[in-house]
Amino acid sequence: FPYSTDFNAKIKYIRDFFSCLFFAGMGMMLPVPTPLAFFLGVFVALTGMVVRLLGICLPIWIMNKDVRVGIVASINLAQIGEFALVLCTLGVSHKHIGEDTLETMLIAFVFTAVISPVLIRNSHYIFVKGRKWYERKRGIEAERAAAVEDDGEEL
């Protein structure tokens, strides 16, 4: 589009202003967490990360494809989105969920918002270390070493 750069340059400040208002509003909704709420929020965040990892990597692994793409994608998608908070807020206002559920989701959101940039920056390192651990656990290195000794060349 010929005018997209001009449009984006003009609307950038309005977007940043409303993003700031959104996150300030979310911060005002966050009460002082109790230890139980904090650990429950972290548990929800970690459970979401693991389920997302399984949901993305398991089909790739079943199809015998390289799981690196799935692992890196699940790491990049580890953050709980702002839309989930909007839905939880609507759920509380319509009495579908309780305030404690919203508090748990807010803590999970904050936890994933803080940890996601670190995970994304180190996704390749996490994949390499995880693959080495997996291979060591499954004995794949021993199988490769035995195959090299038998054939005289590496697989």
N, C-alpha and C. Protein backbone atom coordinates (compact mmCIF):
# COMPACT_ATOMS: atom_id res chain seq x y z
N PHE A 1 0.84 -1.18 0.00
CA PHE A 1 0.00 0.00 0.00
C PHE A 1 0.88 1.24 0.00
N PRO A 2 0.59 2.19 -0.83
CA PRO A 2 1.50 3.33 -0.98
C PRO A 2 1.56 4.25 0.24
N TYR A 3 0.47 4.35 1.01
CA TYR A 3 0.45 5.30 2.12
C TYR A 3 0.52 4.61 3.48
N SER A 4 0.87 3.33 3.51
CA SER A 4 0.88 2.60 4.79
C SER A 4 1.94 3.15 5.75
N THR A 5 3.07 3.56 5.24
CA THR A 5 4.13 4.09 6.10
C THR A 5 3.67 5.39 6.76
N ASP A 6 3.07 6.26 5.99
CA ASP A 6 2.56 7.53 6.55
C ASP A 6 1.46 7.27 7.57
N PHE A 7 0.57 6.35 7.24
CA PHE A 7 -0.53 6.03 8.15
C PHE A 7 0.00 5.46 9.46
N ASN A 8 0.92 4.52 9.36
CA ASN A 8 1.50 3.91 10.57
C ASN A 8 2.26 4.94 11.41
N ALA A 9 2.94 5.85 10.76
CA ALA A 9 3.68 6.87 11.50
C ALA A 9 2.72 7.80 12.27
N LYS A 10 1.57 8.10 11.68
CA LYS A 10 0.62 9.00 12.35
C LYS A 10 -0.17 8.31 13.45
N ILE A 11 -0.46 7.04 13.27
CA ILE A 11 -1.30 6.35 14.24
C ILE A 11 -0.48 5.70 15.38
N LYS A 12 0.82 5.66 15.23
CA LYS A 12 1.69 5.00 16.22
C LYS A 12 1.50 5.58 17.62
N TYR A 13 1.39 6.90 17.73
CA TYR A 13 1.29 7.55 19.04
C TYR A 13 -0.06 7.27 19.69
N ILE A 14 -1.11 7.22 18.89
CA ILE A 14 -2.44 6.90 19.43
C ILE A 14 -2.45 5.45 19.93
N ARG A 15 -1.88 4.54 19.15
CA ARG A 15 -1.79 3.14 19.54
C ARG A 15 -1.02 2.98 20.85
N ASP A 16 0.10 3.66 20.96
CA ASP A 16 0.91 3.58 22.18
C ASP A 16 0.16 4.14 23.38
N PHE A 17 -0.59 5.21 23.17
CA PHE A 17 -1.36 5.81 24.25
C PHE A 17 -2.41 4.83 24.77
N PHE A 18 -3.16 4.20 23.87
CA PHE A 18 -4.19 3.27 24.30
C PHE A 18 -3.61 1.99 24.88
N SER A 19 -2.46 1.57 24.39
CA SER A 19 -1.78 0.42 25.00
C SER A 19 -1.38 0.73 26.42
N CYS A 20 -0.87 1.94 26.62
CA CYS A 20 -0.48 2.36 27.96
C CYS A 20 -1.70 2.40 28.89
N LEU A 21 -2.81 2.93 28.40
CA LEU A 21 -4.04 2.95 29.19
C LEU A 21 -4.52 1.54 29.52
N PHE A 22 -4.44 0.63 28.56
CA PHE A 22 -4.90 -0.74 28.78
C PHE A 22 -4.07 -1.40 29.88
N PHE A 23 -2.76 -1.31 29.78
CA PHE A 23 -1.91 -1.97 30.76
C PHE A 23 -1.96 -1.28 32.12
N ALA A 24 -2.16 0.03 32.13
CA ALA A 24 -2.34 0.72 33.41
C ALA A 24 -3.64 0.27 34.06
N GLY A 25 -4.68 0.11 33.26
CA GLY A 25 -5.96 -0.39 33.79
C GLY A 25 -5.83 -1.81 34.32
N MET A 26 -5.09 -2.65 33.62
CA MET A 26 -4.87 -4.02 34.10
C MET A 26 -4.07 -4.00 35.40
N GLY A 27 -3.12 -3.11 35.47
CA GLY A 27 -2.33 -3.01 36.70
C GLY A 27 -3.15 -2.54 37.89
N MET A 28 -4.12 -1.67 37.63
CA MET A 28 -4.98 -1.22 38.72
C MET A 28 -5.94 -2.31 39.17
N MET A 29 -6.24 -3.26 38.29
CA MET A 29 -7.12 -4.37 38.65
C MET A 29 -6.40 -5.42 39.49
N LEU A 30 -5.08 -5.42 39.44
CA LEU A 30 -4.31 -6.45 40.12
C LEU A 30 -4.23 -6.15 41.61
N PRO A 31 -4.86 -6.98 42.44
CA PRO A 31 -4.77 -6.75 43.89
C PRO A 31 -3.43 -7.26 44.42
N VAL A 32 -3.17 -6.99 45.68
CA VAL A 32 -1.97 -7.54 46.31
C VAL A 32 -2.18 -9.05 46.40
N PRO A 33 -1.34 -9.82 45.73
CA PRO A 33 -1.61 -11.25 45.66
C PRO A 33 -1.28 -11.97 46.96
N THR A 34 -2.10 -12.92 47.29
CA THR A 34 -1.80 -13.81 48.40
C THR A 34 -0.84 -14.87 47.88
N PRO A 35 -0.11 -15.54 48.77
CA PRO A 35 0.81 -16.59 48.29
C PRO A 35 0.09 -17.68 47.49
N LEU A 36 -1.11 -18.04 47.90
CA LEU A 36 -1.85 -19.06 47.17
C LEU A 36 -2.21 -18.58 45.77
N ALA A 37 -2.68 -17.35 45.66
CA ALA A 37 -3.03 -16.81 44.34
C ALA A 37 -1.80 -16.69 43.45
N PHE A 38 -0.66 -16.31 44.04
CA PHE A 38 0.57 -16.19 43.26
C PHE A 38 0.98 -17.55 42.71
N PHE A 39 1.02 -18.57 43.56
CA PHE A 39 1.44 -19.89 43.10
C PHE A 39 0.43 -20.49 42.13
N LEU A 40 -0.85 -20.22 42.32
CA LEU A 40 -1.86 -20.69 41.39
C LEU A 40 -1.71 -20.01 40.03
N GLY A 41 -1.42 -18.72 40.03
CA GLY A 41 -1.19 -18.01 38.77
C GLY A 41 0.02 -18.53 38.03
N VAL A 42 1.11 -18.78 38.75
CA VAL A 42 2.31 -19.35 38.13
C VAL A 42 2.02 -20.75 37.62
N PHE A 43 1.25 -21.54 38.39
CA PHE A 43 0.89 -22.88 37.95
C PHE A 43 0.05 -22.84 36.68
N VAL A 44 -0.90 -21.93 36.60
CA VAL A 44 -1.72 -21.79 35.39
C VAL A 44 -0.85 -21.41 34.21
N ALA A 45 0.09 -20.49 34.41
CA ALA A 45 0.97 -20.07 33.32
C ALA A 45 1.85 -21.22 32.85
N LEU A 46 2.45 -21.95 33.77
CA LEU A 46 3.31 -23.07 33.39
C LEU A 46 2.51 -24.20 32.74
N THR A 47 1.31 -24.44 33.25
CA THR A 47 0.46 -25.46 32.64
C THR A 47 0.08 -25.06 31.22
N GLY A 48 -0.23 -23.80 31.02
CA GLY A 48 -0.52 -23.32 29.67
C GLY A 48 0.65 -23.48 28.73
N MET A 49 1.86 -23.23 29.22
CA MET A 49 3.05 -23.39 28.38
C MET A 49 3.26 -24.86 28.01
N VAL A 50 3.08 -25.75 28.98
CA VAL A 50 3.29 -27.18 28.71
C VAL A 50 2.22 -27.71 27.76
N VAL A 51 0.98 -27.32 27.98
CA VAL A 51 -0.10 -27.78 27.09
C VAL A 51 0.12 -27.26 25.68
N ARG A 52 0.55 -26.02 25.55
CA ARG A 52 0.83 -25.46 24.23
C ARG A 52 2.00 -26.20 23.57
N LEU A 53 3.02 -26.52 24.36
CA LEU A 53 4.16 -27.27 23.83
C LEU A 53 3.71 -28.63 23.31
N LEU A 54 2.90 -29.32 24.09
CA LEU A 54 2.40 -30.64 23.66
C LEU A 54 1.47 -30.51 22.45
N GLY A 55 0.62 -29.52 22.46
CA GLY A 55 -0.33 -29.34 21.37
C GLY A 55 0.34 -29.00 20.05
N ILE A 56 1.47 -28.34 20.10
CA ILE A 56 2.17 -27.98 18.87
C ILE A 56 3.16 -29.07 18.48
N CYS A 57 3.91 -29.59 19.43
CA CYS A 57 4.99 -30.53 19.12
C CYS A 57 4.53 -31.96 18.91
N LEU A 58 3.49 -32.38 19.60
CA LEU A 58 3.05 -33.76 19.48
C LEU A 58 2.61 -34.12 18.05
N PRO A 59 1.80 -33.30 17.39
CA PRO A 59 1.47 -33.64 15.99
C PRO A 59 2.69 -33.65 15.07
N ILE A 60 3.62 -32.73 15.30
CA ILE A 60 4.83 -32.69 14.49
C ILE A 60 5.67 -33.94 14.73
N TRP A 61 5.77 -34.37 15.98
CA TRP A 61 6.54 -35.56 16.33
C TRP A 61 5.88 -36.81 15.76
N ILE A 62 4.54 -36.87 15.80
CA ILE A 62 3.82 -38.02 15.26
C ILE A 62 4.04 -38.13 13.75
N MET A 63 4.14 -37.01 13.06
CA MET A 63 4.36 -37.01 11.62
C MET A 63 5.83 -37.21 11.26
N ASN A 64 6.69 -37.46 12.25
CA ASN A 64 8.13 -37.67 12.05
C ASN A 64 8.82 -36.49 11.38
N LYS A 65 8.41 -35.31 11.75
CA LYS A 65 9.05 -34.09 11.25
C LYS A 65 9.99 -33.55 12.32
N ASP A 66 10.76 -32.53 11.97
CA ASP A 66 11.68 -31.91 12.90
C ASP A 66 10.90 -31.09 13.92
N VAL A 67 11.06 -31.41 15.20
CA VAL A 67 10.28 -30.75 16.24
C VAL A 67 10.84 -29.38 16.63
N ARG A 68 11.97 -28.99 16.05
CA ARG A 68 12.56 -27.70 16.40
C ARG A 68 11.58 -26.56 16.12
N VAL A 69 10.91 -26.62 14.98
CA VAL A 69 9.96 -25.57 14.63
C VAL A 69 8.83 -25.52 15.64
N GLY A 70 8.33 -26.67 16.06
CA GLY A 70 7.26 -26.73 17.04
C GLY A 70 7.67 -26.20 18.40
N ILE A 71 8.88 -26.54 18.82
CA ILE A 71 9.36 -26.08 20.12
C ILE A 71 9.58 -24.57 20.11
N VAL A 72 10.21 -24.07 19.07
CA VAL A 72 10.45 -22.63 18.98
C VAL A 72 9.12 -21.88 18.86
N ALA A 73 8.16 -22.42 18.09
CA ALA A 73 6.85 -21.77 17.97
C ALA A 73 6.12 -21.76 19.31
N SER A 74 6.18 -22.86 20.06
CA SER A 74 5.48 -22.89 21.35
C SER A 74 6.16 -21.97 22.35
N ILE A 75 7.47 -21.80 22.26
CA ILE A 75 8.15 -20.85 23.14
C ILE A 75 7.73 -19.42 22.77
N ASN A 76 7.66 -19.14 21.47
CA ASN A 76 7.27 -17.80 21.03
C ASN A 76 5.81 -17.48 21.36
N LEU A 77 4.97 -18.51 21.50
CA LEU A 77 3.56 -18.30 21.82
C LEU A 77 3.26 -18.52 23.30
N ALA A 78 4.28 -18.47 24.14
CA ALA A 78 4.11 -18.82 25.55
C ALA A 78 3.29 -17.79 26.34
N GLN A 79 3.23 -16.57 25.86
CA GLN A 79 2.55 -15.52 26.63
C GLN A 79 1.04 -15.66 26.55
N ILE A 80 0.39 -15.45 27.67
CA ILE A 80 -1.07 -15.39 27.71
C ILE A 80 -1.47 -14.04 27.16
N GLY A 81 -2.37 -14.04 26.22
CA GLY A 81 -2.73 -12.81 25.51
C GLY A 81 -3.62 -11.88 26.31
N GLU A 82 -3.62 -10.63 25.89
CA GLU A 82 -4.45 -9.62 26.53
C GLU A 82 -5.93 -9.91 26.33
N PHE A 83 -6.26 -10.56 25.23
CA PHE A 83 -7.65 -10.86 24.95
C PHE A 83 -8.23 -11.80 26.00
N ALA A 84 -7.41 -12.69 26.55
CA ALA A 84 -7.87 -13.57 27.63
C ALA A 84 -8.27 -12.75 28.85
N LEU A 85 -7.54 -11.68 29.11
CA LEU A 85 -7.89 -10.82 30.24
C LEU A 85 -9.19 -10.06 29.98
N VAL A 86 -9.39 -9.65 28.74
CA VAL A 86 -10.64 -8.97 28.39
C VAL A 86 -11.81 -9.94 28.56
N LEU A 87 -11.64 -11.18 28.11
CA LEU A 87 -12.71 -12.17 28.27
C LEU A 87 -12.97 -12.46 29.74
N CYS A 88 -11.91 -12.56 30.55
CA CYS A 88 -12.10 -12.80 31.99
C CYS A 88 -12.82 -11.62 32.65
N THR A 89 -12.48 -10.41 32.26
CA THR A 89 -13.15 -9.23 32.81
C THR A 89 -14.63 -9.24 32.45
N LEU A 90 -14.93 -9.59 31.21
CA LEU A 90 -16.34 -9.71 30.81
C LEU A 90 -17.03 -10.82 31.58
N GLY A 91 -16.33 -11.93 31.81
CA GLY A 91 -16.89 -13.03 32.58
C GLY A 91 -17.21 -12.64 34.00
N VAL A 92 -16.35 -11.82 34.61
CA VAL A 92 -16.62 -11.35 35.97
C VAL A 92 -17.80 -10.39 35.98
N SER A 93 -17.87 -9.51 34.99
CA SER A 93 -18.97 -8.54 34.97
C SER A 93 -20.32 -9.21 34.73
N HIS A 94 -20.33 -10.34 34.04
CA HIS A 94 -21.58 -11.07 33.80
C HIS A 94 -21.78 -12.22 34.78
N LYS A 95 -20.93 -12.27 35.79
CA LYS A 95 -21.04 -13.27 36.87
C LYS A 95 -20.86 -14.72 36.38
N HIS A 96 -20.05 -14.90 35.32
CA HIS A 96 -19.76 -16.25 34.85
C HIS A 96 -18.58 -16.86 35.60
N ILE A 97 -17.64 -16.02 35.97
CA ILE A 97 -16.48 -16.47 36.75
C ILE A 97 -16.32 -15.55 37.94
N GLY A 98 -15.54 -15.98 38.91
CA GLY A 98 -15.34 -15.20 40.11
C GLY A 98 -14.13 -14.28 40.02
N GLU A 99 -14.03 -13.38 40.98
CA GLU A 99 -12.90 -12.45 41.05
C GLU A 99 -11.58 -13.21 41.23
N ASP A 100 -11.62 -14.32 41.95
CA ASP A 100 -10.39 -15.08 42.18
C ASP A 100 -9.83 -15.65 40.88
N THR A 101 -10.71 -16.03 39.95
CA THR A 101 -10.25 -16.52 38.65
C THR A 101 -9.59 -15.41 37.85
N LEU A 102 -10.18 -14.23 37.90
CA LEU A 102 -9.57 -13.07 37.22
C LEU A 102 -8.23 -12.74 37.83
N GLU A 103 -8.13 -12.80 39.15
CA GLU A 103 -6.86 -12.54 39.82
C GLU A 103 -5.80 -13.56 39.40
N THR A 104 -6.20 -14.82 39.32
CA THR A 104 -5.26 -15.86 38.89
C THR A 104 -4.79 -15.61 37.46
N MET A 105 -5.72 -15.25 36.58
CA MET A 105 -5.36 -14.98 35.19
C MET A 105 -4.48 -13.74 35.07
N LEU A 106 -4.72 -12.72 35.89
CA LEU A 106 -3.86 -11.53 35.87
C LEU A 106 -2.44 -11.87 36.29
N ILE A 107 -2.31 -12.68 37.33
CA ILE A 107 -0.97 -13.08 37.78
C ILE A 107 -0.29 -13.93 36.72
N ALA A 108 -1.04 -14.85 36.10
CA ALA A 108 -0.48 -15.67 35.03
C ALA A 108 -0.05 -14.80 33.85
N PHE A 109 -0.85 -13.78 33.53
CA PHE A 109 -0.50 -12.86 32.44
C PHE A 109 0.79 -12.11 32.76
N VAL A 110 0.88 -11.59 33.97
CA VAL A 110 2.08 -10.84 34.36
C VAL A 110 3.30 -11.77 34.33
N PHE A 111 3.14 -12.99 34.84
CA PHE A 111 4.26 -13.93 34.85
C PHE A 111 4.73 -14.24 33.43
N THR A 112 3.80 -14.53 32.53
CA THR A 112 4.21 -14.86 31.16
C THR A 112 4.71 -13.63 30.41
N ALA A 113 4.19 -12.44 30.74
CA ALA A 113 4.68 -11.21 30.10
C ALA A 113 6.12 -10.92 30.50
N VAL A 114 6.48 -11.29 31.72
CA VAL A 114 7.85 -11.05 32.19
C VAL A 114 8.81 -12.11 31.64
N ILE A 115 8.36 -13.36 31.60
CA ILE A 115 9.27 -14.45 31.23
C ILE A 115 9.36 -14.66 29.71
N SER A 116 8.35 -14.24 28.94
CA SER A 116 8.34 -14.49 27.50
C SER A 116 9.52 -13.87 26.75
N PRO A 117 9.89 -12.62 26.99
CA PRO A 117 11.04 -12.08 26.26
C PRO A 117 12.33 -12.86 26.49
N VAL A 118 12.51 -13.34 27.70
CA VAL A 118 13.71 -14.14 28.01
C VAL A 118 13.66 -15.47 27.27
N LEU A 119 12.48 -16.11 27.28
CA LEU A 119 12.33 -17.38 26.58
C LEU A 119 12.52 -17.22 25.08
N ILE A 120 11.94 -16.17 24.50
CA ILE A 120 12.06 -15.94 23.07
C ILE A 120 13.51 -15.67 22.68
N ARG A 121 14.20 -14.87 23.47
CA ARG A 121 15.59 -14.55 23.17
C ARG A 121 16.47 -15.79 23.23
N ASN A 122 16.15 -16.73 24.12
CA ASN A 122 16.98 -17.93 24.30
C ASN A 122 16.34 -19.19 23.76
N SER A 123 15.43 -19.08 22.80
CA SER A 123 14.69 -20.25 22.32
C SER A 123 15.60 -21.28 21.68
N HIS A 124 16.61 -20.85 20.92
CA HIS A 124 17.52 -21.83 20.30
C HIS A 124 18.32 -22.57 21.37
N TYR A 125 18.81 -21.84 22.35
CA TYR A 125 19.57 -22.46 23.44
C TYR A 125 18.70 -23.46 24.21
N ILE A 126 17.45 -23.09 24.48
CA ILE A 126 16.53 -23.99 25.18
C ILE A 126 16.29 -25.24 24.35
N PHE A 127 16.15 -25.08 23.03
CA PHE A 127 15.94 -26.24 22.17
C PHE A 127 17.16 -27.17 22.19
N VAL A 128 18.35 -26.60 22.06
CA VAL A 128 19.56 -27.43 22.01
C VAL A 128 19.74 -28.18 23.33
N LYS A 129 19.59 -27.49 24.45
CA LYS A 129 19.75 -28.16 25.75
C LYS A 129 18.65 -29.20 25.98
N GLY A 130 17.42 -28.88 25.57
CA GLY A 130 16.32 -29.83 25.72
C GLY A 130 16.52 -31.06 24.86
N ARG A 131 17.04 -30.87 23.65
CA ARG A 131 17.30 -32.02 22.77
C ARG A 131 18.39 -32.90 23.34
N LYS A 132 19.44 -32.30 23.88
CA LYS A 132 20.51 -33.10 24.49
C LYS A 132 19.98 -33.89 25.68
N TRP A 133 19.15 -33.26 26.51
CA TRP A 133 18.57 -33.95 27.65
C TRP A 133 17.69 -35.10 27.19
N TYR A 134 16.87 -34.85 26.18
CA TYR A 134 15.96 -35.87 25.66
C TYR A 134 16.75 -37.05 25.08
N GLU A 135 17.78 -36.75 24.31
CA GLU A 135 18.57 -37.82 23.71
C GLU A 135 19.30 -38.63 24.78
N ARG A 136 19.80 -37.95 25.79
CA ARG A 136 20.48 -38.66 26.87
C ARG A 136 19.49 -39.53 27.64
N LYS A 137 18.31 -39.03 27.86
CA LYS A 137 17.28 -39.78 28.57
C LYS A 137 16.83 -41.00 27.78
N ARG A 138 16.73 -40.87 26.48
CA ARG A 138 16.25 -41.97 25.63
C ARG A 138 17.38 -42.88 25.17
N GLY A 139 18.64 -42.52 25.42
CA GLY A 139 19.76 -43.35 25.01
C GLY A 139 20.07 -43.24 23.54
N ILE A 140 19.68 -42.13 22.93
CA ILE A 140 19.90 -41.96 21.49
C ILE A 140 21.39 -41.79 21.21
N GLU A 141 22.12 -41.13 22.09
CA GLU A 141 23.56 -40.96 21.88
C GLU A 141 24.26 -42.30 21.87
N ALA A 142 23.85 -43.21 22.76
CA ALA A 142 24.46 -44.54 22.79
C ALA A 142 24.16 -45.29 21.49
N GLU A 143 22.94 -45.14 20.96
CA GLU A 143 22.59 -45.78 19.70
C GLU A 143 23.42 -45.23 18.55
N ARG A 144 23.63 -43.92 18.53
CA ARG A 144 24.45 -43.31 17.47
C ARG A 144 25.90 -43.77 17.57
N ALA A 145 26.41 -43.82 18.80
CA ALA A 145 27.79 -44.27 18.98
C ALA A 145 27.95 -45.71 18.54
N ALA A 146 26.96 -46.56 18.86
CA ALA A 146 27.01 -47.96 18.45
C ALA A 146 26.93 -48.09 16.93
N ALA A 147 26.12 -47.26 16.29
CA ALA A 147 25.98 -47.29 14.85
C ALA A 147 27.26 -46.84 14.17
N VAL A 148 27.95 -45.87 14.76
CA VAL A 148 29.21 -45.39 14.21
C VAL A 148 30.26 -46.49 14.32
N GLU A 149 30.29 -47.19 15.44
CA GLU A 149 31.26 -48.26 15.62
C GLU A 149 30.99 -49.41 14.65
N ASP A 150 29.69 -49.72 14.42
CA ASP A 150 29.35 -50.82 13.53
C ASP A 150 29.61 -50.48 12.06
N ASP A 151 29.23 -49.30 11.64
CA ASP A 151 29.33 -48.92 10.23
C ASP A 151 30.63 -48.21 9.90
N GLY A 152 31.24 -47.64 10.90
CA GLY A 152 32.46 -46.87 10.66
C GLY A 152 32.19 -45.47 10.18
N GLU A 153 30.93 -45.08 10.09
CA GLU A 153 30.59 -43.71 9.69
C GLU A 153 29.41 -43.25 10.50
N GLU A 154 29.28 -41.95 10.58
CA GLU A 154 28.22 -41.35 11.40
C GLU A 154 26.91 -41.34 10.63
N LEU A 155 25.78 -41.45 11.37
CA LEU A 155 24.44 -41.43 10.74
C LEU A 155 24.11 -40.08 10.19
